[in-house]
N, C-alpha and C. Protein backbone atom coordinates (compact mmCIF):
# COMPACT_ATOMS: atom_id res chain seq x y z
N MET A 1 9.50 -9.90 7.50
CA MET A 1 9.79 -10.40 6.16
C MET A 1 11.24 -10.06 5.82
N ALA A 2 11.94 -10.99 5.26
CA ALA A 2 13.35 -10.80 4.94
C ALA A 2 13.51 -9.80 3.81
N THR A 3 14.61 -9.05 3.85
CA THR A 3 14.88 -8.04 2.83
C THR A 3 14.97 -8.66 1.44
N ALA A 4 15.58 -9.84 1.33
CA ALA A 4 15.70 -10.50 0.02
C ALA A 4 14.31 -10.82 -0.54
N THR A 5 13.40 -11.22 0.31
CA THR A 5 12.04 -11.54 -0.13
C THR A 5 11.33 -10.29 -0.61
N ILE A 6 11.45 -9.20 0.10
CA ILE A 6 10.82 -7.94 -0.29
C ILE A 6 11.39 -7.47 -1.63
N GLU A 7 12.69 -7.56 -1.77
CA GLU A 7 13.34 -7.14 -3.02
C GLU A 7 12.87 -8.02 -4.18
N ALA A 8 12.73 -9.31 -3.94
CA ALA A 8 12.24 -10.22 -4.98
C ALA A 8 10.81 -9.85 -5.38
N GLN A 9 9.96 -9.51 -4.41
CA GLN A 9 8.59 -9.10 -4.70
C GLN A 9 8.57 -7.83 -5.54
N ARG A 10 9.44 -6.90 -5.22
CA ARG A 10 9.50 -5.64 -5.98
C ARG A 10 9.87 -5.91 -7.44
N HIS A 11 10.88 -6.73 -7.65
CA HIS A 11 11.33 -7.01 -9.02
C HIS A 11 10.31 -7.84 -9.79
N GLU A 12 9.61 -8.74 -9.10
CA GLU A 12 8.55 -9.50 -9.75
C GLU A 12 7.41 -8.57 -10.17
N ALA A 13 7.04 -7.63 -9.31
CA ALA A 13 5.99 -6.66 -9.64
C ALA A 13 6.39 -5.82 -10.84
N LEU A 14 7.63 -5.39 -10.88
CA LEU A 14 8.12 -4.59 -12.00
C LEU A 14 8.11 -5.41 -13.29
N SER A 15 8.54 -6.64 -13.22
CA SER A 15 8.56 -7.50 -14.40
C SER A 15 7.15 -7.71 -14.95
N ARG A 16 6.19 -7.99 -14.06
CA ARG A 16 4.80 -8.16 -14.50
C ARG A 16 4.27 -6.88 -15.12
N ALA A 17 4.58 -5.74 -14.52
CA ALA A 17 4.07 -4.46 -15.01
C ALA A 17 4.65 -4.11 -16.38
N GLU A 18 5.91 -4.42 -16.60
CA GLU A 18 6.55 -4.06 -17.87
C GLU A 18 6.22 -5.02 -19.01
N THR A 19 5.89 -6.26 -18.67
CA THR A 19 5.69 -7.25 -19.73
C THR A 19 4.26 -7.73 -19.87
N GLY A 20 3.35 -7.20 -19.08
CA GLY A 20 1.95 -7.63 -19.15
C GLY A 20 1.37 -7.46 -20.54
N GLN A 21 0.41 -8.29 -20.88
CA GLN A 21 -0.15 -8.27 -22.22
C GLN A 21 -1.51 -7.59 -22.30
N SER A 22 -2.20 -7.42 -21.19
CA SER A 22 -3.56 -6.90 -21.23
C SER A 22 -3.59 -5.38 -21.37
N TRP A 23 -4.52 -4.93 -22.19
CA TRP A 23 -4.74 -3.49 -22.38
C TRP A 23 -6.04 -3.08 -21.69
N SER A 24 -6.68 -3.99 -21.00
CA SER A 24 -8.01 -3.73 -20.44
C SER A 24 -8.04 -2.61 -19.40
N ASN A 25 -6.93 -2.35 -18.73
CA ASN A 25 -6.91 -1.31 -17.71
C ASN A 25 -6.56 0.08 -18.26
N TYR A 26 -6.15 0.15 -19.51
CA TYR A 26 -5.72 1.43 -20.07
C TYR A 26 -6.79 2.52 -19.96
N PRO A 27 -8.05 2.26 -20.32
CA PRO A 27 -9.06 3.33 -20.20
C PRO A 27 -9.19 3.87 -18.78
N ALA A 28 -9.22 2.98 -17.79
CA ALA A 28 -9.34 3.42 -16.40
C ALA A 28 -8.12 4.23 -15.97
N ILE A 29 -6.94 3.80 -16.39
CA ILE A 29 -5.71 4.52 -16.05
C ILE A 29 -5.71 5.90 -16.69
N MET A 30 -6.02 5.96 -17.98
CA MET A 30 -6.03 7.24 -18.69
C MET A 30 -7.05 8.21 -18.09
N GLU A 31 -8.28 7.74 -17.88
CA GLU A 31 -9.34 8.58 -17.34
C GLU A 31 -9.02 9.02 -15.91
N GLY A 32 -8.54 8.08 -15.10
CA GLY A 32 -8.26 8.39 -13.70
C GLY A 32 -7.18 9.45 -13.52
N PHE A 33 -6.08 9.31 -14.24
CA PHE A 33 -5.00 10.29 -14.10
C PHE A 33 -5.33 11.59 -14.82
N ALA A 34 -6.05 11.53 -15.92
CA ALA A 34 -6.47 12.76 -16.61
C ALA A 34 -7.39 13.58 -15.70
N ALA A 35 -8.25 12.90 -14.95
CA ALA A 35 -9.13 13.60 -14.01
C ALA A 35 -8.34 14.28 -12.90
N ARG A 36 -7.12 13.84 -12.67
CA ARG A 36 -6.26 14.45 -11.65
C ARG A 36 -5.35 15.52 -12.24
N GLY A 37 -5.58 15.86 -13.50
CA GLY A 37 -4.84 16.95 -14.11
C GLY A 37 -3.58 16.57 -14.86
N ILE A 38 -3.33 15.30 -15.03
CA ILE A 38 -2.14 14.87 -15.77
C ILE A 38 -2.53 14.78 -17.24
N PRO A 39 -1.82 15.47 -18.12
CA PRO A 39 -2.15 15.41 -19.56
C PRO A 39 -2.06 13.97 -20.08
N THR A 40 -3.01 13.60 -20.93
CA THR A 40 -3.04 12.22 -21.42
C THR A 40 -1.77 11.84 -22.19
N ALA A 41 -1.12 12.79 -22.80
CA ALA A 41 0.13 12.50 -23.51
C ALA A 41 1.24 12.08 -22.56
N GLU A 42 1.10 12.42 -21.28
CA GLU A 42 2.11 12.07 -20.27
C GLU A 42 1.75 10.83 -19.46
N ILE A 43 0.67 10.16 -19.81
CA ILE A 43 0.25 8.94 -19.12
C ILE A 43 0.63 7.76 -20.01
N LEU A 44 1.68 7.06 -19.61
CA LEU A 44 2.21 5.95 -20.41
C LEU A 44 2.30 4.68 -19.56
N PRO A 45 1.20 3.90 -19.50
CA PRO A 45 1.27 2.65 -18.74
C PRO A 45 2.45 1.79 -19.20
N ARG A 46 3.08 1.13 -18.26
CA ARG A 46 4.27 0.30 -18.47
C ARG A 46 5.53 1.10 -18.75
N VAL A 47 5.39 2.44 -18.71
CA VAL A 47 6.55 3.32 -18.87
C VAL A 47 6.65 4.23 -17.65
N ASN A 48 5.54 4.92 -17.30
CA ASN A 48 5.57 5.82 -16.15
C ASN A 48 4.35 5.65 -15.23
N VAL A 49 3.69 4.50 -15.32
CA VAL A 49 2.59 4.15 -14.43
C VAL A 49 2.82 2.73 -13.94
N PHE A 50 3.05 2.60 -12.62
CA PHE A 50 3.36 1.29 -12.04
C PHE A 50 2.73 1.16 -10.66
N THR A 51 2.77 -0.06 -10.12
CA THR A 51 2.32 -0.31 -8.75
C THR A 51 3.36 0.22 -7.76
N TYR A 52 2.97 0.25 -6.50
CA TYR A 52 3.85 0.71 -5.43
C TYR A 52 5.17 -0.07 -5.42
N ARG A 53 5.07 -1.38 -5.42
CA ARG A 53 6.29 -2.21 -5.36
C ARG A 53 7.13 -2.09 -6.62
N ALA A 54 6.48 -1.94 -7.77
CA ALA A 54 7.24 -1.77 -9.00
C ALA A 54 8.02 -0.46 -8.96
N TRP A 55 7.41 0.61 -8.43
CA TRP A 55 8.15 1.87 -8.30
C TRP A 55 9.35 1.70 -7.38
N GLN A 56 9.17 0.95 -6.30
CA GLN A 56 10.31 0.71 -5.40
C GLN A 56 11.43 -0.02 -6.13
N ALA A 57 11.08 -0.98 -6.98
CA ALA A 57 12.09 -1.71 -7.74
C ALA A 57 12.81 -0.79 -8.71
N LYS A 58 12.15 0.26 -9.16
CA LYS A 58 12.76 1.23 -10.07
C LYS A 58 13.52 2.31 -9.31
N GLY A 59 13.60 2.18 -7.99
CA GLY A 59 14.36 3.15 -7.19
C GLY A 59 13.58 4.42 -6.88
N ARG A 60 12.25 4.32 -6.85
CA ARG A 60 11.41 5.49 -6.56
C ARG A 60 10.46 5.14 -5.42
N GLN A 61 10.00 6.14 -4.72
CA GLN A 61 9.09 5.96 -3.60
C GLN A 61 7.83 6.78 -3.84
N VAL A 62 6.67 6.15 -3.71
CA VAL A 62 5.40 6.87 -3.83
C VAL A 62 5.28 7.76 -2.59
N ARG A 63 4.95 9.04 -2.82
CA ARG A 63 4.82 9.97 -1.71
C ARG A 63 3.64 9.60 -0.81
N LYS A 64 3.81 9.81 0.47
CA LYS A 64 2.78 9.53 1.45
C LYS A 64 1.53 10.35 1.13
N GLY A 65 0.38 9.70 1.19
CA GLY A 65 -0.88 10.37 0.95
C GLY A 65 -1.35 10.39 -0.50
N GLU A 66 -0.51 9.95 -1.42
CA GLU A 66 -0.89 9.93 -2.83
C GLU A 66 -1.98 8.88 -3.07
N LYS A 67 -2.92 9.21 -3.91
CA LYS A 67 -4.01 8.29 -4.25
C LYS A 67 -3.77 7.76 -5.66
N GLY A 68 -3.81 6.46 -5.79
CA GLY A 68 -3.59 5.84 -7.08
C GLY A 68 -4.89 5.47 -7.77
N ILE A 69 -4.78 4.79 -8.87
CA ILE A 69 -5.91 4.31 -9.64
C ILE A 69 -6.01 2.80 -9.46
N ARG A 70 -7.21 2.32 -9.11
CA ARG A 70 -7.42 0.88 -8.91
C ARG A 70 -7.61 0.20 -10.27
N VAL A 71 -6.90 -0.91 -10.45
CA VAL A 71 -7.00 -1.71 -11.66
C VAL A 71 -7.12 -3.17 -11.26
N THR A 72 -7.49 -4.00 -12.22
CA THR A 72 -7.57 -5.44 -11.99
C THR A 72 -6.44 -6.12 -12.75
N THR A 73 -5.68 -6.92 -12.04
CA THR A 73 -4.63 -7.71 -12.67
C THR A 73 -4.96 -9.19 -12.46
N TYR A 74 -4.23 -10.03 -13.14
CA TYR A 74 -4.42 -11.47 -12.97
C TYR A 74 -3.10 -12.08 -12.57
N VAL A 75 -3.15 -12.85 -11.49
CA VAL A 75 -1.94 -13.49 -10.98
C VAL A 75 -2.06 -15.00 -11.14
N LYS A 76 -0.94 -15.64 -11.42
CA LYS A 76 -0.91 -17.09 -11.56
C LYS A 76 -0.97 -17.72 -10.17
N TYR A 77 -1.63 -18.87 -10.09
CA TYR A 77 -1.68 -19.60 -8.83
C TYR A 77 -1.58 -21.09 -9.09
N THR A 78 -1.14 -21.80 -8.08
CA THR A 78 -1.12 -23.26 -8.09
C THR A 78 -1.74 -23.71 -6.77
N LYS A 79 -2.70 -24.59 -6.87
CA LYS A 79 -3.41 -25.04 -5.68
C LYS A 79 -3.39 -26.56 -5.63
N LYS A 80 -3.04 -27.11 -4.48
CA LYS A 80 -3.06 -28.56 -4.30
C LYS A 80 -4.36 -28.93 -3.62
N GLU A 81 -5.04 -29.92 -4.20
CA GLU A 81 -6.30 -30.40 -3.64
C GLU A 81 -6.20 -31.89 -3.34
N LYS A 82 -6.76 -32.27 -2.21
CA LYS A 82 -6.74 -33.68 -1.84
C LYS A 82 -8.07 -34.29 -2.26
N ALA A 83 -8.01 -35.34 -3.05
CA ALA A 83 -9.21 -36.03 -3.53
C ALA A 83 -9.70 -37.01 -2.47
N ALA A 84 -10.93 -37.48 -2.64
CA ALA A 84 -11.54 -38.42 -1.68
C ALA A 84 -10.74 -39.72 -1.59
N ASP A 85 -10.08 -40.11 -2.68
CA ASP A 85 -9.31 -41.36 -2.66
C ASP A 85 -7.92 -41.19 -2.04
N GLY A 86 -7.62 -40.00 -1.56
CA GLY A 86 -6.34 -39.76 -0.89
C GLY A 86 -5.25 -39.21 -1.79
N THR A 87 -5.49 -39.15 -3.07
CA THR A 87 -4.48 -38.61 -3.98
C THR A 87 -4.52 -37.08 -3.95
N THR A 88 -3.46 -36.51 -4.36
CA THR A 88 -3.37 -35.05 -4.40
C THR A 88 -3.28 -34.60 -5.85
N LYS A 89 -4.12 -33.66 -6.19
CA LYS A 89 -4.11 -33.09 -7.53
C LYS A 89 -3.65 -31.64 -7.43
N GLU A 90 -2.93 -31.23 -8.45
CA GLU A 90 -2.47 -29.85 -8.50
C GLU A 90 -3.24 -29.12 -9.59
N ARG A 91 -3.79 -27.99 -9.23
CA ARG A 91 -4.54 -27.17 -10.18
C ARG A 91 -3.87 -25.82 -10.27
N SER A 92 -3.77 -25.29 -11.48
CA SER A 92 -3.18 -23.97 -11.63
C SER A 92 -4.05 -23.15 -12.56
N GLY A 93 -3.88 -21.87 -12.48
CA GLY A 93 -4.67 -20.97 -13.31
C GLY A 93 -4.30 -19.53 -13.03
N ARG A 94 -5.22 -18.65 -13.35
CA ARG A 94 -5.02 -17.23 -13.10
C ARG A 94 -6.23 -16.71 -12.35
N ALA A 95 -5.99 -15.86 -11.38
CA ALA A 95 -7.07 -15.31 -10.57
C ALA A 95 -6.99 -13.78 -10.59
N PRO A 96 -8.15 -13.11 -10.60
CA PRO A 96 -8.14 -11.66 -10.59
C PRO A 96 -7.68 -11.11 -9.24
N LYS A 97 -6.97 -10.02 -9.28
CA LYS A 97 -6.49 -9.36 -8.07
C LYS A 97 -6.53 -7.85 -8.31
N SER A 98 -6.97 -7.13 -7.32
CA SER A 98 -7.02 -5.68 -7.43
C SER A 98 -5.65 -5.11 -7.09
N ALA A 99 -5.25 -4.09 -7.81
CA ALA A 99 -3.97 -3.42 -7.56
C ALA A 99 -4.17 -1.92 -7.73
N THR A 100 -3.26 -1.16 -7.19
CA THR A 100 -3.30 0.30 -7.32
C THR A 100 -2.04 0.74 -8.05
N VAL A 101 -2.22 1.59 -9.06
CA VAL A 101 -1.08 2.09 -9.82
C VAL A 101 -0.92 3.59 -9.58
N PHE A 102 0.32 4.05 -9.71
CA PHE A 102 0.67 5.45 -9.48
C PHE A 102 1.44 5.99 -10.67
N HIS A 103 1.26 7.26 -10.95
CA HIS A 103 1.99 7.95 -12.02
C HIS A 103 3.33 8.44 -11.47
N ILE A 104 4.31 8.57 -12.31
CA ILE A 104 5.64 9.00 -11.88
C ILE A 104 5.62 10.34 -11.15
N THR A 105 4.66 11.21 -11.48
CA THR A 105 4.58 12.50 -10.80
C THR A 105 4.18 12.36 -9.34
N GLN A 106 3.75 11.18 -8.93
CA GLN A 106 3.37 10.92 -7.54
C GLN A 106 4.52 10.28 -6.75
N THR A 107 5.69 10.21 -7.36
CA THR A 107 6.83 9.56 -6.74
C THR A 107 8.03 10.49 -6.63
N ASP A 108 8.96 10.12 -5.79
CA ASP A 108 10.24 10.81 -5.64
C ASP A 108 11.35 9.76 -5.75
N ALA A 109 12.54 10.18 -6.10
CA ALA A 109 13.68 9.27 -6.11
C ALA A 109 13.90 8.75 -4.69
N ALA A 110 14.14 7.45 -4.56
CA ALA A 110 14.37 6.85 -3.23
C ALA A 110 15.66 7.39 -2.66
N LYS A 111 15.69 7.54 -1.35
CA LYS A 111 16.87 8.07 -0.67
C LYS A 111 17.87 7.00 -0.38
């Protein structure tokens, strides 16, 4: 995979993480990290809790062996379908996708 493509994926992940509208994962994030000993006052989704690629875009690296919290996100998709009459229709929507998020205490500054 080209470096430019990887970098674009990182920045897209960061953008989605910082601007997402859903609060549905907050309880799982809060409970999951609190169970690992992180005070709830220090758990700030979209501030210090991000996916692996989003942390890379922020110039941080998740430490090897760290376990994150699984959440459900929704990603946009576009699908082309061929109809029986030979025409092509384009369908778009949002599909659920599982992701893992990490707290800043599980990361180090990238070298």
